Amino acid sequence: MNKNSISHQWVLLPVLFVGLVFSLPVFSQTEVGNESQDQIKPVSLFSFSDELKENSGMVYYNGLLWTLNDSGGEPILYGVDDKGVVQARVLIENATNVDWEDIAQDERYLYVADTGNNAGNRQNLGIYRIQKTHLPSHGDKKASAEFMGYTYEDQTDFNLVSHGHPYDCEALVTMNDSLYLFTKDWQSEKTAQYVLHFNPKKSVARKRGEFEAGGLITGADISPDGKIFALSGYAQMKPFVWIFRDFNPGKPFSGNSSRVDLDMLFMSQTEGITISDDERILISCEQTPVFSAQVFELARKIAKSDE
């Protein structure tokens, strides 16, 4: 996300914080379908160093949490341990970080989404693909990546109103040998699902459905076993997570869904989400005037099916 796009949100922070912080509920899970309701409390696991104060997107691989910085940061992937210490860095020599937003993986590759598009006028959207064999367990390394440019099949107008269009995107996952993008619609607060296949030349993202997210989607992940899908986002500076399960392959919106409103993280800028092998759901936020850049863990029970 371009930092100019959120600067206006912090202008009234002192007034808003004094008036609202004491009146907020703890945490709530909103009922959708047949999901059970629980009070939950995300726990801060660690803070990032200043090197990752603008982190965006994360995945677990080989014992490290891999993440990146967004919008104009260096084209570097960072491997972070469970204390928040950077143990490894990979500089992608042939890449440019125009507006990196998310990171995803399959068995062989990591995928970096250069998909941020606040103004709606980008014609150089794309996804980088990096072989996992290039990722060290410690130390710094340089590597090259393949790049795939893409367009949205239904976008014909590139003279759009900034922050007033449906072609921004900060969420990427891999499913069924395909890449799935989940957009950030500044007007309707829906998210659209687009599907494409990695093609080093260029690809077209095909629209495959929409979901009433009730906010702006900033990240996505699917569990290693493919049974749990999650979206992170925020609405009026209040973060939330959508959790989906019992869905048809490649159609995460077809299953049961529940929304977890993280009211106590009000005024945080949630940017990334990942699901670990043991179904722990982690969310990250970048640095703001109220929150440090850090990672939170949600209660495991919200990822489990009702017993």
C-alpha atoms as a PDB file:
ATOM      1  CA  MET A   1       0.000   0.000   0.000  1.00  0.00           C
ATOM      2  CA  ASN A   2       1.258   3.474  -0.856  1.00  0.00           C
ATOM      3  CA  LYS A   3       1.779   5.309   2.417  1.00  0.00           C
ATOM      4  CA  ASN A   4       0.095   8.451   1.079  1.00  0.00           C
ATOM      5  CA  SER A   5      -3.121   6.460   0.879  1.00  0.00           C
ATOM      6  CA  ILE A   6      -3.419   6.034   4.639  1.00  0.00           C
ATOM      7  CA  SER A   7      -1.853   9.211   5.974  1.00  0.00           C
ATOM      8  CA  HIS A   8      -5.228  10.928   6.240  1.00  0.00           C
ATOM      9  CA  GLN A   9      -6.418   8.198   8.624  1.00  0.00           C
ATOM     10  CA  TRP A  10      -3.967   9.320  11.303  1.00  0.00           C
ATOM     11  CA  VAL A  11      -4.817  13.040  11.319  1.00  0.00           C
ATOM     12  CA  LEU A  12      -7.526  12.645  13.968  1.00  0.00           C
ATOM     13  CA  LEU A  13      -5.849   9.894  15.978  1.00  0.00           C
ATOM     14  CA  PRO A  14      -5.395  11.778  19.270  1.00  0.00           C
ATOM     15  CA  VAL A  15      -9.063  12.787  19.382  1.00  0.00           C
ATOM     16  CA  LEU A  16     -10.340   9.384  18.252  1.00  0.00           C
ATOM     17  CA  PHE A  17      -8.133   7.446  20.615  1.00  0.00           C
ATOM     18  CA  VAL A  18      -9.187   9.358  23.726  1.00  0.00           C
ATOM     19  CA  GLY A  19     -12.856   9.070  22.842  1.00  0.00           C
ATOM     20  CA  LEU A  20     -12.922   5.419  21.810  1.00  0.00           C
ATOM     21  CA  VAL A  21     -10.266   3.349  23.505  1.00  0.00           C
ATOM     22  CA  PHE A  22     -12.228   2.997  26.755  1.00  0.00           C
ATOM     23  CA  SER A  23     -15.506   2.145  25.032  1.00  0.00           C
ATOM     24  CA  LEU A  24     -14.314  -0.664  22.758  1.00  0.00           C
ATOM     25  CA  PRO A  25     -15.498  -4.242  23.304  1.00  0.00           C
ATOM     26  CA  VAL A  26     -12.782  -6.820  23.850  1.00  0.00           C
ATOM     27  CA  PHE A  27     -12.881  -9.107  20.808  1.00  0.00           C
ATOM     28  CA  SER A  28     -15.901 -10.539  19.088  1.00  0.00           C
ATOM     29  CA  GLN A  29     -16.679 -13.192  16.518  1.00  0.00           C
ATOM     30  CA  THR A  30     -19.598 -12.319  14.263  1.00  0.00           C
ATOM     31  CA  GLU A  31     -21.962 -15.151  13.388  1.00  0.00           C
ATOM     32  CA  VAL A  32     -22.178 -16.166   9.745  1.00  0.00           C
ATOM     33  CA  GLY A  33     -23.716 -19.509   8.868  1.00  0.00           C
ATOM     34  CA  ASN A  34     -23.385 -22.092  11.645  1.00  0.00           C
ATOM     35  CA  GLU A  35     -20.148 -20.942  13.265  1.00  0.00           C
ATOM     36  CA  SER A  36     -19.907 -20.943  17.062  1.00  0.00           C
ATOM     37  CA  GLN A  37     -19.274 -17.655  18.850  1.00  0.00           C
ATOM     38  CA  ASP A  38     -16.308 -17.148  21.154  1.00  0.00           C
ATOM     39  CA  GLN A  39     -14.578 -14.250  22.824  1.00  0.00           C
ATOM     40  CA  ILE A  40     -10.984 -14.366  21.587  1.00  0.00           C
ATOM     41  CA  LYS A  41      -7.870 -12.416  22.368  1.00  0.00           C
ATOM     42  CA  PRO A  42      -4.959 -12.215  19.928  1.00  0.00           C
ATOM     43  CA  VAL A  43      -1.593 -12.448  21.662  1.00  0.00           C
ATOM     44  CA  SER A  44       1.429 -10.429  20.531  1.00  0.00           C
ATOM     45  CA  LEU A  45       4.206 -12.884  19.677  1.00  0.00           C
ATOM     46  CA  PHE A  46       6.955 -10.401  18.837  1.00  0.00           C
ATOM     47  CA  SER A  47       7.719  -7.009  17.341  1.00  0.00           C
ATOM     48  CA  PHE A  48       9.644  -6.591  14.112  1.00  0.00           C
ATOM     49  CA  SER A  49      12.786  -4.478  13.992  1.00  0.00           C
ATOM     50  CA  ASP A  50      12.739  -1.144  12.156  1.00  0.00           C
ATOM     51  CA  GLU A  51      13.970  -3.044   9.112  1.00  0.00           C
ATOM     52  CA  LEU A  52      10.441  -4.462   8.766  1.00  0.00           C
ATOM     53  CA  LYS A  53       8.290  -1.621  10.023  1.00  0.00           C
ATOM     54  CA  GLU A  54       6.374  -1.670   6.711  1.00  0.00           C
ATOM     55  CA  ASN A  55       5.992  -5.455   6.499  1.00  0.00           C
ATOM     56  CA  SER A  56       3.280  -6.841   4.258  1.00  0.00           C
ATOM     57  CA  GLY A  57       2.435 -10.514   3.802  1.00  0.00           C
ATOM     58  CA  MET A  58       4.049 -13.594   5.329  1.00  0.00           C
ATOM     59  CA  VAL A  59       4.384 -17.374   4.966  1.00  0.00           C
ATOM     60  CA  TYR A  60       6.025 -20.120   7.016  1.00  0.00           C
ATOM     61  CA  TYR A  61       8.780 -22.079   5.297  1.00  0.00           C
ATOM     62  CA  ASN A  62      11.663 -24.172   6.617  1.00  0.00           C
ATOM     63  CA  GLY A  63      11.355 -22.943  10.197  1.00  0.00           C
ATOM     64  CA  LEU A  64      11.221 -19.232   9.368  1.00  0.00           C
ATOM     65  CA  LEU A  65       8.482 -16.707   8.809  1.00  0.00           C
ATOM     66  CA  TRP A  66       9.183 -15.123   5.416  1.00  0.00           C
ATOM     67  CA  THR A  67       7.968 -11.587   4.845  1.00  0.00           C
ATOM     68  CA  LEU A  68       8.669  -8.423   2.839  1.00  0.00           C
ATOM     69  CA  ASN A  69       8.212  -4.662   2.895  1.00  0.00           C
ATOM     70  CA  ASP A  70       5.661  -2.975   0.676  1.00  0.00           C
ATOM     71  CA  SER A  71       5.488   0.009  -1.672  1.00  0.00           C
ATOM     72  CA  GLY A  72       8.953   1.098  -2.707  1.00  0.00           C
ATOM     73  CA  GLY A  73      10.901  -1.018  -0.236  1.00  0.00           C
ATOM     74  CA  GLU A  74      13.977  -2.970  -1.257  1.00  0.00           C
ATOM     75  CA  PRO A  75      13.296  -6.143  -3.289  1.00  0.00           C
ATOM     76  CA  ILE A  76      14.282  -8.335  -0.349  1.00  0.00           C
ATOM     77  CA  LEU A  77      12.649 -11.346   1.287  1.00  0.00           C
ATOM     78  CA  TYR A  78      13.280 -11.622   5.026  1.00  0.00           C
ATOM     79  CA  GLY A  79      13.349 -14.870   7.024  1.00  0.00           C
ATOM     80  CA  VAL A  80      12.368 -14.164  10.640  1.00  0.00           C
ATOM     81  CA  ASP A  81      12.595 -16.519  13.629  1.00  0.00           C
ATOM     82  CA  ASP A  82      10.013 -16.961  16.394  1.00  0.00           C
ATOM     83  CA  LYS A  83      11.484 -14.036  18.347  1.00  0.00           C
ATOM     84  CA  GLY A  84      11.198 -11.608  15.445  1.00  0.00           C
ATOM     85  CA  VAL A  85      14.914 -11.631  14.628  1.00  0.00           C
ATOM     86  CA  VAL A  86      15.856 -11.569  10.941  1.00  0.00           C
ATOM     87  CA  GLN A  87      17.936 -14.694  10.302  1.00  0.00           C
ATOM     88  CA  ALA A  88      18.067 -14.615   6.505  1.00  0.00           C
ATOM     89  CA  ARG A  89      17.675 -12.197   3.628  1.00  0.00           C
ATOM     90  CA  VAL A  90      17.306 -12.827  -0.093  1.00  0.00           C
ATOM     91  CA  LEU A  91      17.860  -9.898  -2.450  1.00  0.00           C
ATOM     92  CA  ILE A  92      15.947 -10.479  -5.690  1.00  0.00           C
ATOM     93  CA  GLU A  93      18.449  -8.952  -8.109  1.00  0.00           C
ATOM     94  CA  ASN A  94      16.181  -8.631 -11.128  1.00  0.00           C
ATOM     95  CA  ALA A  95      13.111  -7.347  -9.260  1.00  0.00           C
ATOM     96  CA  THR A  96      11.685  -3.927  -8.451  1.00  0.00           C
ATOM     97  CA  ASN A  97       9.397  -3.342  -5.497  1.00  0.00           C
ATOM     98  CA  VAL A  98       6.799  -1.078  -7.072  1.00  0.00           C
ATOM     99  CA  ASP A  99       4.129  -2.041  -4.548  1.00  0.00           C
ATOM    100  CA  TRP A 100       4.723  -5.507  -3.113  1.00  0.00           C
ATOM    101  CA  GLU A 101       1.772  -6.615  -1.010  1.00  0.00           C
ATOM    102  CA  ASP A 102       1.662 -10.343  -0.260  1.00  0.00           C
ATOM    103  CA  ILE A 103       3.621 -13.568  -0.448  1.00  0.00           C
ATOM    104  CA  ALA A 104       2.384 -17.110  -1.133  1.00  0.00           C
ATOM    105  CA  GLN A 105       3.895 -20.539  -1.698  1.00  0.00           C
ATOM    106  CA  ASP A 106       3.468 -23.942  -3.257  1.00  0.00           C
ATOM    107  CA  GLU A 107       5.753 -26.964  -3.020  1.00  0.00           C
ATOM    108  CA  ARG A 108       8.523 -25.496  -5.189  1.00  0.00           C
ATOM    109  CA  TYR A 109       8.166 -21.718  -5.217  1.00  0.00           C
ATOM    110  CA  LEU A 110       7.475 -18.547  -3.297  1.00  0.00           C
ATOM    111  CA  TYR A 111       5.309 -15.999  -5.103  1.00  0.00           C
ATOM    112  CA  VAL A 112       5.542 -12.255  -4.470  1.00  0.00           C
ATOM    113  CA  ALA A 113       2.531 -10.143  -5.409  1.00  0.00           C
ATOM    114  CA  ASP A 114       3.512  -6.778  -6.909  1.00  0.00           C
ATOM    115  CA  THR A 115      -0.170  -5.968  -7.085  1.00  0.00           C
ATOM    116  CA  GLY A 116      -0.738  -2.776  -5.081  1.00  0.00           C
ATOM    117  CA  ASN A 117      -2.790  -0.423  -7.234  1.00  0.00           C
ATOM    118  CA  ASN A 118      -4.290   2.379  -5.156  1.00  0.00           C
ATOM    119  CA  ALA A 119      -4.754   4.706  -8.122  1.00  0.00           C
ATOM    120  CA  GLY A 120      -6.132   1.971 -10.391  1.00  0.00           C
ATOM    121  CA  ASN A 121      -3.889   3.015 -13.278  1.00  0.00           C
ATOM    122  CA  ARG A 122      -1.067   0.480 -13.083  1.00  0.00           C
ATOM    123  CA  GLN A 123      -0.340  -1.436 -16.269  1.00  0.00           C
ATOM    124  CA  ASN A 124       2.736  -3.181 -14.875  1.00  0.00           C
ATOM    125  CA  LEU A 125       1.060  -5.418 -12.297  1.00  0.00           C
ATOM    126  CA  GLY A 126       2.807  -8.714 -11.800  1.00  0.00           C
ATOM    127  CA  ILE A 127       3.909 -11.656  -9.691  1.00  0.00           C
ATOM    128  CA  TYR A 128       7.462 -12.816  -9.042  1.00  0.00           C
ATOM    129  CA  ARG A 129       8.294 -16.510  -8.668  1.00  0.00           C
ATOM    130  CA  ILE A 130      11.356 -17.573  -6.650  1.00  0.00           C
ATOM    131  CA  GLN A 131      12.590 -21.134  -6.224  1.00  0.00           C
ATOM    132  CA  LYS A 132      12.530 -22.249  -2.605  1.00  0.00           C
ATOM    133  CA  THR A 133      15.990 -23.750  -3.035  1.00  0.00           C
ATOM    134  CA  HIS A 134      17.276 -20.144  -3.119  1.00  0.00           C
ATOM    135  CA  LEU A 135      16.069 -19.477   0.440  1.00  0.00           C
ATOM    136  CA  PRO A 136      18.791 -19.936   3.087  1.00  0.00           C
ATOM    137  CA  SER A 137      18.140 -20.875   6.706  1.00  0.00           C
ATOM    138  CA  HIS A 138      20.517 -18.098   7.773  1.00  0.00           C
ATOM    139  CA  GLY A 139      22.678 -15.402   6.225  1.00  0.00           C
ATOM    140  CA  ASP A 140      22.222 -13.138   3.223  1.00  0.00           C
ATOM    141  CA  LYS A 141      21.931 -14.285  -0.370  1.00  0.00           C
ATOM    142  CA  LYS A 142      21.172 -12.959  -3.839  1.00  0.00           C
ATOM    143  CA  ALA A 143      18.822 -14.675  -6.258  1.00  0.00           C
ATOM    144  CA  SER A 144      16.878 -14.126  -9.462  1.00  0.00           C
ATOM    145  CA  ALA A 145      13.166 -14.539 -10.009  1.00  0.00           C
ATOM    146  CA  GLU A 146      10.797 -15.110 -12.885  1.00  0.00           C
ATOM    147  CA  PHE A 147       8.264 -12.355 -13.484  1.00  0.00           C
ATOM    148  CA  MET A 148       4.743 -12.651 -14.850  1.00  0.00           C
ATOM    149  CA  GLY A 149       2.817  -9.541 -15.801  1.00  0.00           C
ATOM    150  CA  TYR A 150      -0.963  -9.737 -15.732  1.00  0.00           C
ATOM    151  CA  THR A 151      -4.131  -7.759 -16.374  1.00  0.00           C
ATOM    152  CA  TYR A 152      -7.669  -8.070 -15.017  1.00  0.00           C
ATOM    153  CA  GLU A 153     -10.013  -9.424 -17.664  1.00  0.00           C
ATOM    154  CA  ASP A 154     -12.727  -6.877 -16.864  1.00  0.00           C
ATOM    155  CA  GLN A 155     -10.604  -3.725 -16.524  1.00  0.00           C
ATOM    156  CA  THR A 156     -10.748  -1.546 -19.619  1.00  0.00           C
ATOM    157  CA  ASP A 157     -10.460   1.895 -18.011  1.00  0.00           C
ATOM    158  CA  PHE A 158      -7.136   2.933 -16.482  1.00  0.00           C
ATOM    159  CA  ASN A 159      -8.147   6.507 -15.697  1.00  0.00           C
ATOM    160  CA  LEU A 160      -9.859   5.735 -12.408  1.00  0.00           C
ATOM    161  CA  VAL A 161     -10.455   7.671  -9.217  1.00  0.00           C
ATOM    162  CA  SER A 162      -7.702   6.943  -6.707  1.00  0.00           C
ATOM    163  CA  HIS A 163      -9.053   4.835  -3.814  1.00  0.00           C
ATOM    164  CA  GLY A 164     -12.406   4.609  -5.584  1.00  0.00           C
ATOM    165  CA  HIS A 165     -12.181   1.499  -7.771  1.00  0.00           C
ATOM    166  CA  PRO A 166     -12.177  -2.335  -7.520  1.00  0.00           C
ATOM    167  CA  TYR A 167      -8.720  -3.129  -8.974  1.00  0.00           C
ATOM    168  CA  ASP A 168      -6.449  -2.763  -5.966  1.00  0.00           C
ATOM    169  CA  CYS A 169      -5.097  -6.038  -4.576  1.00  0.00           C
ATOM    170  CA  GLU A 170      -3.105  -7.040  -1.493  1.00  0.00           C
ATOM    171  CA  ALA A 171      -3.933 -10.755  -1.136  1.00  0.00           C
ATOM    172  CA  LEU A 172      -2.521 -13.809  -2.932  1.00  0.00           C
ATOM    173  CA  VAL A 173      -2.691 -17.585  -2.350  1.00  0.00           C
ATOM    174  CA  THR A 174      -1.948 -20.716  -4.355  1.00  0.00           C
ATOM    175  CA  MET A 175      -4.568 -23.441  -4.786  1.00  0.00           C
ATOM    176  CA  ASN A 176      -4.831 -26.333  -7.224  1.00  0.00           C
ATOM    177  CA  ASP A 177      -1.749 -25.277  -9.218  1.00  0.00           C
ATOM    178  CA  SER A 178      -3.245 -21.812  -9.745  1.00  0.00           C
ATOM    179  CA  LEU A 179      -2.741 -18.345  -8.293  1.00  0.00           C
ATOM    180  CA  TYR A 180      -5.702 -16.668  -6.617  1.00  0.00           C
ATOM    181  CA  LEU A 181      -5.915 -12.905  -6.143  1.00  0.00           C
ATOM    182  CA  PHE A 182      -8.391 -11.274  -3.755  1.00  0.00           C
ATOM    183  CA  THR A 183      -9.026  -7.619  -4.446  1.00  0.00           C
ATOM    184  CA  LYS A 184      -9.515  -4.590  -2.249  1.00  0.00           C
ATOM    185  CA  ASP A 185     -12.596  -2.664  -3.390  1.00  0.00           C
ATOM    186  CA  TRP A 186     -12.485   0.853  -1.980  1.00  0.00           C
ATOM    187  CA  GLN A 187     -16.158   1.584  -2.715  1.00  0.00           C
ATOM    188  CA  SER A 188     -18.243  -1.557  -2.207  1.00  0.00           C
ATOM    189  CA  GLU A 189     -15.904  -3.165   0.385  1.00  0.00           C
ATOM    190  CA  LYS A 190     -16.378  -6.466  -1.434  1.00  0.00           C
ATOM    191  CA  THR A 191     -13.484  -8.660  -2.470  1.00  0.00           C
ATOM    192  CA  ALA A 192     -13.369 -10.282  -5.901  1.00  0.00           C
ATOM    193  CA  GLN A 193     -11.605 -13.579  -6.541  1.00  0.00           C
ATOM    194  CA  TYR A 194      -9.444 -13.747  -9.669  1.00  0.00           C
ATOM    195  CA  VAL A 195      -7.620 -16.837 -10.908  1.00  0.00           C
ATOM    196  CA  LEU A 196      -4.588 -17.091 -13.168  1.00  0.00           C
ATOM    197  CA  HIS A 197      -1.799 -19.491 -14.078  1.00  0.00           C
ATOM    198  CA  PHE A 198       1.840 -18.509 -13.903  1.00  0.00           C
ATOM    199  CA  ASN A 199       3.083 -17.655 -17.385  1.00  0.00           C
ATOM    200  CA  PRO A 200       6.482 -15.940 -17.728  1.00  0.00           C
ATOM    201  CA  LYS A 201       5.120 -13.935 -20.651  1.00  0.00           C
ATOM    202  CA  LYS A 202       1.824 -12.492 -19.446  1.00  0.00           C
ATOM    203  CA  SER A 203      -1.444 -13.757 -18.041  1.00  0.00           C
ATOM    204  CA  VAL A 204      -5.029 -12.623 -17.695  1.00  0.00           C
ATOM    205  CA  ALA A 205      -6.682 -12.773 -14.270  1.00  0.00           C
ATOM    206  CA  ARG A 206     -10.158 -14.306 -14.671  1.00  0.00           C
ATOM    207  CA  LYS A 207     -12.878 -13.262 -12.251  1.00  0.00           C
ATOM    208  CA  ARG A 208     -14.421 -16.200 -10.384  1.00  0.00           C
ATOM    209  CA  GLY A 209     -16.688 -14.625  -7.795  1.00  0.00           C
ATOM    210  CA  GLU A 210     -17.173 -11.972  -5.119  1.00  0.00           C
ATOM    211  CA  PHE A 211     -17.631 -11.890  -1.370  1.00  0.00           C
ATOM    212  CA  GLU A 212     -19.194  -9.235   0.873  1.00  0.00           C
ATOM    213  CA  ALA A 213     -16.144  -8.631   3.036  1.00  0.00           C
ATOM    214  CA  GLY A 214     -17.475  -5.530   4.765  1.00  0.00           C
ATOM    215  CA  GLY A 215     -14.060  -3.883   4.625  1.00  0.00           C
ATOM    216  CA  LEU A 216     -10.761  -3.647   2.774  1.00  0.00           C
ATOM    217  CA  ILE A 217      -8.909  -6.950   2.294  1.00  0.00           C
ATOM    218  CA  THR A 218      -5.168  -6.825   3.012  1.00  0.00           C
ATOM    219  CA  GLY A 219      -4.008 -10.441   3.071  1.00  0.00           C
ATOM    220  CA  ALA A 220      -4.932 -14.082   2.472  1.00  0.00           C
ATOM    221  CA  ASP A 221      -3.672 -17.572   3.229  1.00  0.00           C
ATOM    222  CA  ILE A 222      -4.767 -21.183   3.030  1.00  0.00           C
ATOM    223  CA  SER A 223      -3.748 -23.885   5.495  1.00  0.00           C
ATOM    224  CA  PRO A 224      -1.178 -26.479   4.375  1.00  0.00           C
ATOM    225  CA  ASP A 225      -3.893 -29.154   4.187  1.00  0.00           C
ATOM    226  CA  GLY A 226      -6.126 -26.864   2.107  1.00  0.00           C
ATOM    227  CA  LYS A 227      -9.037 -27.037   4.557  1.00  0.00           C
ATOM    228  CA  ILE A 228      -8.950 -23.531   6.057  1.00  0.00           C
ATOM    229  CA  PHE A 229      -8.868 -20.271   4.113  1.00  0.00           C
ATOM    230  CA  ALA A 230      -8.477 -16.886   5.779  1.00  0.00           C
ATOM    231  CA  LEU A 231      -8.620 -13.220   4.789  1.00  0.00           C
ATOM    232  CA  SER A 232      -7.364 -10.267   6.817  1.00  0.00           C
ATOM    233  CA  GLY A 233      -8.619  -6.716   6.472  1.00  0.00           C
ATOM    234  CA  TYR A 234      -9.943  -3.639   8.192  1.00  0.00           C
ATOM    235  CA  ALA A 235     -12.988  -1.377   8.178  1.00  0.00           C
ATOM    236  CA  GLN A 236     -12.836   2.165   9.545  1.00  0.00           C
ATOM    237  CA  MET A 237      -9.441   1.329  11.068  1.00  0.00           C
ATOM    238  CA  LYS A 238     -10.824  -1.754  12.879  1.00  0.00           C
ATOM    239  CA  PRO A 239      -9.095  -5.014  11.831  1.00  0.00           C
ATOM    240  CA  PHE A 240     -10.950  -8.268  11.166  1.00  0.00           C
ATOM    241  CA  VAL A 241     -10.310 -11.791   9.921  1.00  0.00           C
ATOM    242  CA  TRP A 242     -12.637 -13.915   7.789  1.00  0.00           C
ATOM    243  CA  ILE A 243     -12.249 -17.688   8.224  1.00  0.00           C
ATOM    244  CA  PHE A 244     -13.671 -20.163   5.688  1.00  0.00           C
ATOM    245  CA  ARG A 245     -13.884 -23.948   5.806  1.00  0.00           C
ATOM    246  CA  ASP A 246     -15.846 -26.828   4.244  1.00  0.00           C
ATOM    247  CA  PHE A 247     -15.477 -25.198   0.819  1.00  0.00           C
ATOM    248  CA  ASN A 248     -15.232 -26.754  -2.624  1.00  0.00           C
ATOM    249  CA  PRO A 249     -11.733 -26.986  -4.154  1.00  0.00           C
ATOM    250  CA  GLY A 250     -10.740 -23.642  -5.634  1.00  0.00           C
ATOM    251  CA  LYS A 251     -13.926 -21.997  -4.359  1.00  0.00           C
ATOM    252  CA  PRO A 252     -13.213 -20.726  -0.830  1.00  0.00           C
ATOM    253  CA  PHE A 253     -16.350 -18.585  -0.703  1.00  0.00           C
ATOM    254  CA  SER A 254     -18.558 -21.679  -1.146  1.00  0.00           C
ATOM    255  CA  GLY A 255     -18.054 -22.925   2.413  1.00  0.00           C
ATOM    256  CA  ASN A 256     -18.946 -21.891   5.949  1.00  0.00           C
ATOM    257  CA  SER A 257     -17.559 -18.528   6.993  1.00  0.00           C
ATOM    258  CA  SER A 258     -17.090 -16.566  10.194  1.00  0.00           C
ATOM    259  CA  ARG A 259     -15.824 -13.050  10.771  1.00  0.00           C
ATOM    260  CA  VAL A 260     -13.625 -12.239  13.765  1.00  0.00           C
ATOM    261  CA  ASP A 261     -13.622  -8.524  14.608  1.00  0.00           C
ATOM    262  CA  LEU A 262     -10.382  -7.528  16.338  1.00  0.00           C
ATOM    263  CA  ASP A 263     -11.639  -4.393  18.027  1.00  0.00           C
ATOM    264  CA  MET A 264      -8.757  -4.170  20.493  1.00  0.00           C
ATOM    265  CA  LEU A 265      -6.386  -3.730  17.545  1.00  0.00           C
ATOM    266  CA  PHE A 266      -8.248  -0.566  16.549  1.00  0.00           C
ATOM    267  CA  MET A 267      -5.884   1.828  14.745  1.00  0.00           C
ATOM    268  CA  SER A 268      -3.452  -0.922  13.780  1.00  0.00           C
ATOM    269  CA  GLN A 269      -2.637  -1.412  10.099  1.00  0.00           C
ATOM    270  CA  THR A 270      -3.060  -5.169   9.604  1.00  0.00           C
ATOM    271  CA  GLU A 271      -1.190  -6.276   6.501  1.00  0.00           C
ATOM    272  CA  GLY A 272      -0.475  -9.999   6.525  1.00  0.00           C
ATOM    273  CA  ILE A 273      -1.965 -13.330   7.553  1.00  0.00           C
ATOM    274  CA  THR A 274      -0.645 -16.885   7.553  1.00  0.00           C
ATOM    275  CA  ILE A 275      -1.776 -20.292   8.811  1.00  0.00           C
ATOM    276  CA  SER A 276       0.866 -22.619  10.246  1.00  0.00           C
ATOM    277  CA  ASP A 277       1.065 -26.403   9.933  1.00  0.00           C
ATOM    278  CA  ASP A 278      -0.674 -26.779  13.311  1.00  0.00           C
ATOM    279  CA  GLU A 279      -3.459 -24.365  12.264  1.00  0.00           C
ATOM    280  CA  ARG A 280      -2.262 -21.350  14.225  1.00  0.00           C
ATOM    281  CA  ILE A 281      -3.459 -18.162  12.561  1.00  0.00           C
ATOM    282  CA  LEU A 282      -1.012 -15.270  12.672  1.00  0.00           C
ATOM    283  CA  ILE A 283      -1.621 -11.700  11.577  1.00  0.00           C
ATOM    284  CA  SER A 284       0.903  -8.907  11.196  1.00  0.00           C
ATOM    285  CA  CYS A 285       0.630  -5.156  11.355  1.00  0.00           C
ATOM    286  CA  GLU A 286       2.987  -2.471  10.179  1.00  0.00           C
ATOM    287  CA  GLN A 287       4.186   0.407  12.311  1.00  0.00           C
ATOM    288  CA  THR A 288       1.687   3.192  13.025  1.00  0.00           C
ATOM    289  CA  PRO A 289       1.587   6.034  15.564  1.00  0.00           C
ATOM    290  CA  VAL A 290      -0.264   3.663  17.926  1.00  0.00           C
ATOM    291  CA  PHE A 291       1.185   0.188  17.215  1.00  0.00           C
ATOM    292  CA  SER A 292       4.673  -1.113  16.585  1.00  0.00           C
ATOM    293  CA  ALA A 293       5.196  -3.470  13.652  1.00  0.00           C
ATOM    294  CA  GLN A 294       4.425  -6.860  15.154  1.00  0.00           C
ATOM    295  CA  VAL A 295       2.870 -10.307  14.794  1.00  0.00           C
ATOM    296  CA  PHE A 296      -0.183 -11.541  16.702  1.00  0.00           C
ATOM    297  CA  GLU A 297      -1.475 -15.082  17.133  1.00  0.00           C
ATOM    298  CA  LEU A 298      -5.212 -15.727  17.165  1.00  0.00           C
ATOM    299  CA  ALA A 299      -6.742 -18.410  19.371  1.00  0.00           C
ATOM    300  CA  ARG A 300      -6.397 -21.815  17.723  1.00  0.00           C
ATOM    301  CA  LYS A 301      -9.990 -22.737  18.503  1.00  0.00           C
ATOM    302  CA  ILE A 302     -11.364 -20.371  15.870  1.00  0.00           C
ATOM    303  CA  ALA A 303      -9.565 -22.341  13.180  1.00  0.00           C
ATOM    304  CA  LYS A 304     -10.998 -25.651  14.356  1.00  0.00           C
ATOM    305  CA  SER A 305     -14.305 -27.097  13.293  1.00  0.00           C
ATOM    306  CA  ASP A 306     -16.943 -27.248  16.009  1.00  0.00           C
ATOM    307  CA  GLU A 307     -16.867 -30.480  17.971  1.00  0.00           C
END
